Amino acid sequence: MRVRLFLLLSLFLTACAAPQVRPPGAIRKVVVVVGSRVDALPTNSYREDLMGEGNPRTVLSGQTQAVLRERGFEIAGVRISDAPTPSTQEVVSLIRENDAEAGVVVVLNWVDVTVIQSIGRADVILETGVVTPSGQLLWRKESRTVSTMGMYQAQTDYSSYLRKAIIQAVNEIP
């Protein structure tokens, strides 16, 4: 009896943890291209500097891939652009190199963390878009996220506000 209950529970948890499946006809295989108008994020610790969390492009790339995978997208390639905003040609060439259906572009436009230590609030503006292999813009949205976090998190996990903003912006991609 206990074994059956355990198996049933483990199957249920596995089913809940599985990534979403994209609907038929929807874009599935994408490349991710990130850019940032913000050169560096203010960090709170040496550990964050060491793990690359002071570089907004690193955080954008990793979190965007994670959210897209959860939503059932297949990531064919990733490029971190040196330019503040990736060019259409840069995105199109990565799409073609990896035989992808589209490119997901995420650009960090602005961050304000002046009151994060005092009231745990950060403002982030992200621009998100989807580009076809021909260079046509399928979808674009600029989103502003105001993240509020507890004081402990604001002091220990300083870039969590950016990850929250990325999750919100990437979840809006059709």
C-alpha atoms as a PDB file:
ATOM      1  CA  MET A   1       0.000   0.000   0.000  1.00  0.00           C
ATOM      2  CA  ARG A   2       2.786   2.429   0.926  1.00  0.00           C
ATOM      3  CA  VAL A   3       4.696   1.583  -2.230  1.00  0.00           C
ATOM      4  CA  ARG A   4       1.664   2.339  -4.392  1.00  0.00           C
ATOM      5  CA  LEU A   5       1.091   5.613  -2.584  1.00  0.00           C
ATOM      6  CA  PHE A   6       4.754   6.530  -3.020  1.00  0.00           C
ATOM      7  CA  LEU A   7       4.674   5.696  -6.749  1.00  0.00           C
ATOM      8  CA  LEU A   8       1.475   7.662  -7.245  1.00  0.00           C
ATOM      9  CA  LEU A   9       2.897  10.653  -5.405  1.00  0.00           C
ATOM     10  CA  SER A  10       6.163  10.554  -7.361  1.00  0.00           C
ATOM     11  CA  LEU A  11       4.281  10.346 -10.694  1.00  0.00           C
ATOM     12  CA  PHE A  12       2.104  13.278  -9.663  1.00  0.00           C
ATOM     13  CA  LEU A  13       5.116  15.412  -8.714  1.00  0.00           C
ATOM     14  CA  THR A  14       6.910  14.508 -11.943  1.00  0.00           C
ATOM     15  CA  ALA A  15       3.869  15.504 -13.979  1.00  0.00           C
ATOM     16  CA  CYS A  16       3.636  18.833 -12.175  1.00  0.00           C
ATOM     17  CA  ALA A  17       7.328  19.583 -12.717  1.00  0.00           C
ATOM     18  CA  ALA A  18       7.292  18.862 -16.457  1.00  0.00           C
ATOM     19  CA  PRO A  19       7.735  21.857 -18.758  1.00  0.00           C
ATOM     20  CA  GLN A  20       4.778  23.153 -20.693  1.00  0.00           C
ATOM     21  CA  VAL A  21       4.183  21.836 -24.187  1.00  0.00           C
ATOM     22  CA  ARG A  22       3.909  24.377 -26.993  1.00  0.00           C
ATOM     23  CA  PRO A  23       0.638  24.219 -28.956  1.00  0.00           C
ATOM     24  CA  PRO A  24       0.698  22.806 -32.499  1.00  0.00           C
ATOM     25  CA  GLY A  25       1.849  25.393 -35.026  1.00  0.00           C
ATOM     26  CA  ALA A  26       3.471  27.632 -32.392  1.00  0.00           C
ATOM     27  CA  ILE A  27       7.119  28.612 -32.532  1.00  0.00           C
ATOM     28  CA  ARG A  28       9.173  26.013 -30.685  1.00  0.00           C
ATOM     29  CA  LYS A  29      12.839  26.204 -31.618  1.00  0.00           C
ATOM     30  CA  VAL A  30      14.362  29.610 -30.822  1.00  0.00           C
ATOM     31  CA  VAL A  31      17.660  31.340 -30.292  1.00  0.00           C
ATOM     32  CA  VAL A  32      18.183  33.844 -27.494  1.00  0.00           C
ATOM     33  CA  VAL A  33      20.000  37.143 -28.045  1.00  0.00           C
ATOM     34  CA  VAL A  34      20.483  39.552 -25.150  1.00  0.00           C
ATOM     35  CA  GLY A  35      21.804  43.076 -24.899  1.00  0.00           C
ATOM     36  CA  SER A  36      21.955  45.734 -22.233  1.00  0.00           C
ATOM     37  CA  ARG A  37      22.099  49.506 -22.087  1.00  0.00           C
ATOM     38  CA  VAL A  38      23.153  49.060 -18.439  1.00  0.00           C
ATOM     39  CA  ASP A  39      26.867  48.270 -18.263  1.00  0.00           C
ATOM     40  CA  ALA A  40      26.973  46.790 -14.766  1.00  0.00           C
ATOM     41  CA  LEU A  41      24.553  45.985 -11.985  1.00  0.00           C
ATOM     42  CA  PRO A  42      25.374  47.158  -8.505  1.00  0.00           C
ATOM     43  CA  THR A  43      26.292  44.042  -6.541  1.00  0.00           C
ATOM     44  CA  ASN A  44      26.241  43.455  -2.866  1.00  0.00           C
ATOM     45  CA  SER A  45      28.911  40.799  -2.413  1.00  0.00           C
ATOM     46  CA  TYR A  46      32.085  39.338  -3.795  1.00  0.00           C
ATOM     47  CA  ARG A  47      30.193  36.078  -4.441  1.00  0.00           C
ATOM     48  CA  GLU A  48      27.832  37.844  -6.834  1.00  0.00           C
ATOM     49  CA  ASP A  49      30.776  39.465  -8.613  1.00  0.00           C
ATOM     50  CA  LEU A  50      32.501  36.094  -8.878  1.00  0.00           C
ATOM     51  CA  MET A  51      29.379  34.358 -10.261  1.00  0.00           C
ATOM     52  CA  GLY A  52      28.899  37.042 -12.903  1.00  0.00           C
ATOM     53  CA  GLU A  53      25.728  38.495 -11.428  1.00  0.00           C
ATOM     54  CA  GLY A  54      27.185  41.990 -11.718  1.00  0.00           C
ATOM     55  CA  ASN A  55      27.034  41.584 -15.501  1.00  0.00           C
ATOM     56  CA  PRO A  56      23.420  42.140 -16.565  1.00  0.00           C
ATOM     57  CA  ARG A  57      23.939  40.233 -19.817  1.00  0.00           C
ATOM     58  CA  THR A  58      24.852  37.067 -17.909  1.00  0.00           C
ATOM     59  CA  VAL A  59      21.747  37.292 -15.738  1.00  0.00           C
ATOM     60  CA  LEU A  60      19.548  38.091 -18.788  1.00  0.00           C
ATOM     61  CA  SER A  61      20.897  35.141 -20.748  1.00  0.00           C
ATOM     62  CA  GLY A  62      20.592  32.537 -18.022  1.00  0.00           C
ATOM     63  CA  GLN A  63      17.167  33.548 -16.750  1.00  0.00           C
ATOM     64  CA  THR A  64      15.674  33.989 -20.241  1.00  0.00           C
ATOM     65  CA  GLN A  65      16.781  30.486 -21.223  1.00  0.00           C
ATOM     66  CA  ALA A  66      15.338  29.008 -18.027  1.00  0.00           C
ATOM     67  CA  VAL A  67      11.929  30.666 -18.470  1.00  0.00           C
ATOM     68  CA  LEU A  68      11.700  29.740 -22.157  1.00  0.00           C
ATOM     69  CA  ARG A  69      12.550  26.092 -21.401  1.00  0.00           C
ATOM     70  CA  GLU A  70       9.857  26.012 -18.706  1.00  0.00           C
ATOM     71  CA  ARG A  71       7.381  27.251 -21.307  1.00  0.00           C
ATOM     72  CA  GLY A  72       8.261  24.422 -23.698  1.00  0.00           C
ATOM     73  CA  PHE A  73      10.639  26.260 -26.041  1.00  0.00           C
ATOM     74  CA  GLU A  74      13.743  24.511 -27.353  1.00  0.00           C
ATOM     75  CA  ILE A  75      16.843  26.738 -27.128  1.00  0.00           C
ATOM     76  CA  ALA A  76      18.970  26.250 -30.252  1.00  0.00           C
ATOM     77  CA  GLY A  77      21.588  28.903 -29.527  1.00  0.00           C
ATOM     78  CA  VAL A  78      22.476  31.871 -27.337  1.00  0.00           C
ATOM     79  CA  ARG A  79      24.374  35.060 -28.056  1.00  0.00           C
ATOM     80  CA  ILE A  80      25.308  37.804 -25.644  1.00  0.00           C
ATOM     81  CA  SER A  81      25.617  40.919 -27.770  1.00  0.00           C
ATOM     82  CA  ASP A  82      28.405  43.405 -27.176  1.00  0.00           C
ATOM     83  CA  ALA A  83      26.122  46.164 -28.452  1.00  0.00           C
ATOM     84  CA  PRO A  84      23.514  47.700 -26.154  1.00  0.00           C
ATOM     85  CA  THR A  85      20.814  46.569 -28.592  1.00  0.00           C
ATOM     86  CA  PRO A  86      21.510  43.578 -30.860  1.00  0.00           C
ATOM     87  CA  SER A  87      21.192  44.337 -34.566  1.00  0.00           C
ATOM     88  CA  THR A  88      18.599  42.580 -36.686  1.00  0.00           C
ATOM     89  CA  GLN A  89      21.406  41.098 -38.777  1.00  0.00           C
ATOM     90  CA  GLU A  90      23.040  39.643 -35.645  1.00  0.00           C
ATOM     91  CA  VAL A  91      19.769  37.970 -34.636  1.00  0.00           C
ATOM     92  CA  VAL A  92      19.001  36.704 -38.157  1.00  0.00           C
ATOM     93  CA  SER A  93      22.481  35.217 -38.580  1.00  0.00           C
ATOM     94  CA  LEU A  94      22.162  33.326 -35.272  1.00  0.00           C
ATOM     95  CA  ILE A  95      18.708  32.048 -36.285  1.00  0.00           C
ATOM     96  CA  ARG A  96      20.074  30.766 -39.592  1.00  0.00           C
ATOM     97  CA  GLU A  97      23.244  29.264 -38.066  1.00  0.00           C
ATOM     98  CA  ASN A  98      21.153  27.218 -35.653  1.00  0.00           C
ATOM     99  CA  ASP A  99      18.245  26.426 -37.995  1.00  0.00           C
ATOM    100  CA  ALA A 100      15.802  28.008 -35.548  1.00  0.00           C
ATOM    101  CA  GLU A 101      12.252  29.171 -36.167  1.00  0.00           C
ATOM    102  CA  ALA A 102      12.702  32.563 -34.477  1.00  0.00           C
ATOM    103  CA  GLY A 103      14.909  34.661 -32.251  1.00  0.00           C
ATOM    104  CA  VAL A 104      13.942  35.935 -28.814  1.00  0.00           C
ATOM    105  CA  VAL A 105      15.622  39.260 -28.072  1.00  0.00           C
ATOM    106  CA  VAL A 106      15.785  40.685 -24.551  1.00  0.00           C
ATOM    107  CA  VAL A 107      17.340  44.090 -23.841  1.00  0.00           C
ATOM    108  CA  LEU A 108      17.780  45.673 -20.433  1.00  0.00           C
ATOM    109  CA  ASN A 109      17.059  49.378 -20.922  1.00  0.00           C
ATOM    110  CA  TRP A 110      17.093  50.788 -17.391  1.00  0.00           C
ATOM    111  CA  VAL A 111      17.539  49.800 -13.737  1.00  0.00           C
ATOM    112  CA  ASP A 112      16.934  51.897 -10.628  1.00  0.00           C
ATOM    113  CA  VAL A 113      18.013  50.333  -7.351  1.00  0.00           C
ATOM    114  CA  THR A 114      18.515  53.514  -5.349  1.00  0.00           C
ATOM    115  CA  VAL A 115      15.986  52.479  -2.688  1.00  0.00           C
ATOM    116  CA  ILE A 116      16.606  48.731  -2.639  1.00  0.00           C
ATOM    117  CA  GLN A 117      18.565  48.800   0.618  1.00  0.00           C
ATOM    118  CA  SER A 118      16.106  51.062   2.427  1.00  0.00           C
ATOM    119  CA  ILE A 119      12.671  49.829   1.258  1.00  0.00           C
ATOM    120  CA  GLY A 120      13.511  46.781  -0.891  1.00  0.00           C
ATOM    121  CA  ARG A 121      12.255  48.218  -4.181  1.00  0.00           C
ATOM    122  CA  ALA A 122      13.807  48.129  -7.650  1.00  0.00           C
ATOM    123  CA  ASP A 123      12.543  49.393 -11.024  1.00  0.00           C
ATOM    124  CA  VAL A 124      13.508  47.588 -14.228  1.00  0.00           C
ATOM    125  CA  ILE A 125      12.640  48.366 -17.848  1.00  0.00           C
ATOM    126  CA  LEU A 126      13.089  45.491 -20.320  1.00  0.00           C
ATOM    127  CA  GLU A 127      12.394  45.327 -24.028  1.00  0.00           C
ATOM    128  CA  THR A 128      11.439  41.910 -25.390  1.00  0.00           C
ATOM    129  CA  GLY A 129      10.879  40.861 -28.979  1.00  0.00           C
ATOM    130  CA  VAL A 130      10.524  37.930 -31.348  1.00  0.00           C
ATOM    131  CA  VAL A 131      12.231  38.076 -34.765  1.00  0.00           C
ATOM    132  CA  THR A 132      11.676  35.776 -37.771  1.00  0.00           C
ATOM    133  CA  PRO A 133      14.484  34.247 -39.893  1.00  0.00           C
ATOM    134  CA  SER A 134      13.741  36.926 -42.520  1.00  0.00           C
ATOM    135  CA  GLY A 135      14.322  39.705 -39.990  1.00  0.00           C
ATOM    136  CA  GLN A 136      10.692  40.643 -39.516  1.00  0.00           C
ATOM    137  CA  LEU A 137       9.556  41.645 -36.038  1.00  0.00           C
ATOM    138  CA  LEU A 138       6.715  39.325 -34.968  1.00  0.00           C
ATOM    139  CA  TRP A 139       6.147  40.687 -31.487  1.00  0.00           C
ATOM    140  CA  ARG A 140       7.623  43.413 -29.281  1.00  0.00           C
ATOM    141  CA  LYS A 141       6.880  44.748 -25.837  1.00  0.00           C
ATOM    142  CA  GLU A 142       8.545  47.090 -23.412  1.00  0.00           C
ATOM    143  CA  SER A 143       7.755  46.242 -19.815  1.00  0.00           C
ATOM    144  CA  ARG A 144       8.408  48.067 -16.583  1.00  0.00           C
ATOM    145  CA  THR A 145       8.605  45.949 -13.463  1.00  0.00           C
ATOM    146  CA  VAL A 146       8.618  47.278  -9.937  1.00  0.00           C
ATOM    147  CA  SER A 147       9.966  44.527  -7.709  1.00  0.00           C
ATOM    148  CA  THR A 148       9.455  44.661  -3.992  1.00  0.00           C
ATOM    149  CA  MET A 149      11.363  42.254  -1.824  1.00  0.00           C
ATOM    150  CA  GLY A 150      12.040  41.668   1.826  1.00  0.00           C
ATOM    151  CA  MET A 151      15.000  43.362   3.436  1.00  0.00           C
ATOM    152  CA  TYR A 152      16.902  40.092   3.900  1.00  0.00           C
ATOM    153  CA  GLN A 153      16.555  39.233   0.204  1.00  0.00           C
ATOM    154  CA  ALA A 154      17.492  42.789  -0.787  1.00  0.00           C
ATOM    155  CA  GLN A 155      20.701  42.420   1.203  1.00  0.00           C
ATOM    156  CA  THR A 156      21.634  38.833   0.271  1.00  0.00           C
ATOM    157  CA  ASP A 157      20.294  38.200  -3.247  1.00  0.00           C
ATOM    158  CA  TYR A 158      20.871  41.576  -4.812  1.00  0.00           C
ATOM    159  CA  SER A 159      20.027  40.732  -8.428  1.00  0.00           C
ATOM    160  CA  SER A 160      16.791  38.857  -7.708  1.00  0.00           C
ATOM    161  CA  TYR A 161      14.875  41.974  -8.790  1.00  0.00           C
ATOM    162  CA  LEU A 162      16.299  41.550 -12.302  1.00  0.00           C
ATOM    163  CA  ARG A 163      15.426  37.848 -12.421  1.00  0.00           C
ATOM    164  CA  LYS A 164      11.834  38.668 -11.369  1.00  0.00           C
ATOM    165  CA  ALA A 165      11.563  41.269 -14.152  1.00  0.00           C
ATOM    166  CA  ILE A 166      12.905  38.805 -16.742  1.00  0.00           C
ATOM    167  CA  ILE A 167      10.446  36.114 -15.677  1.00  0.00           C
ATOM    168  CA  GLN A 168       7.538  38.541 -16.011  1.00  0.00           C
ATOM    169  CA  ALA A 169       8.679  39.884 -19.422  1.00  0.00           C
ATOM    170  CA  VAL A 170       9.535  36.504 -20.987  1.00  0.00           C
ATOM    171  CA  ASN A 171       6.277  34.930 -19.788  1.00  0.00           C
ATOM    172  CA  GLU A 172       4.417  37.473 -21.937  1.00  0.00           C
ATOM    173  CA  ILE A 173       6.009  36.187 -25.163  1.00  0.00           C
ATOM    174  CA  PRO A 174       3.321  34.427 -27.242  1.00  0.00           C
END
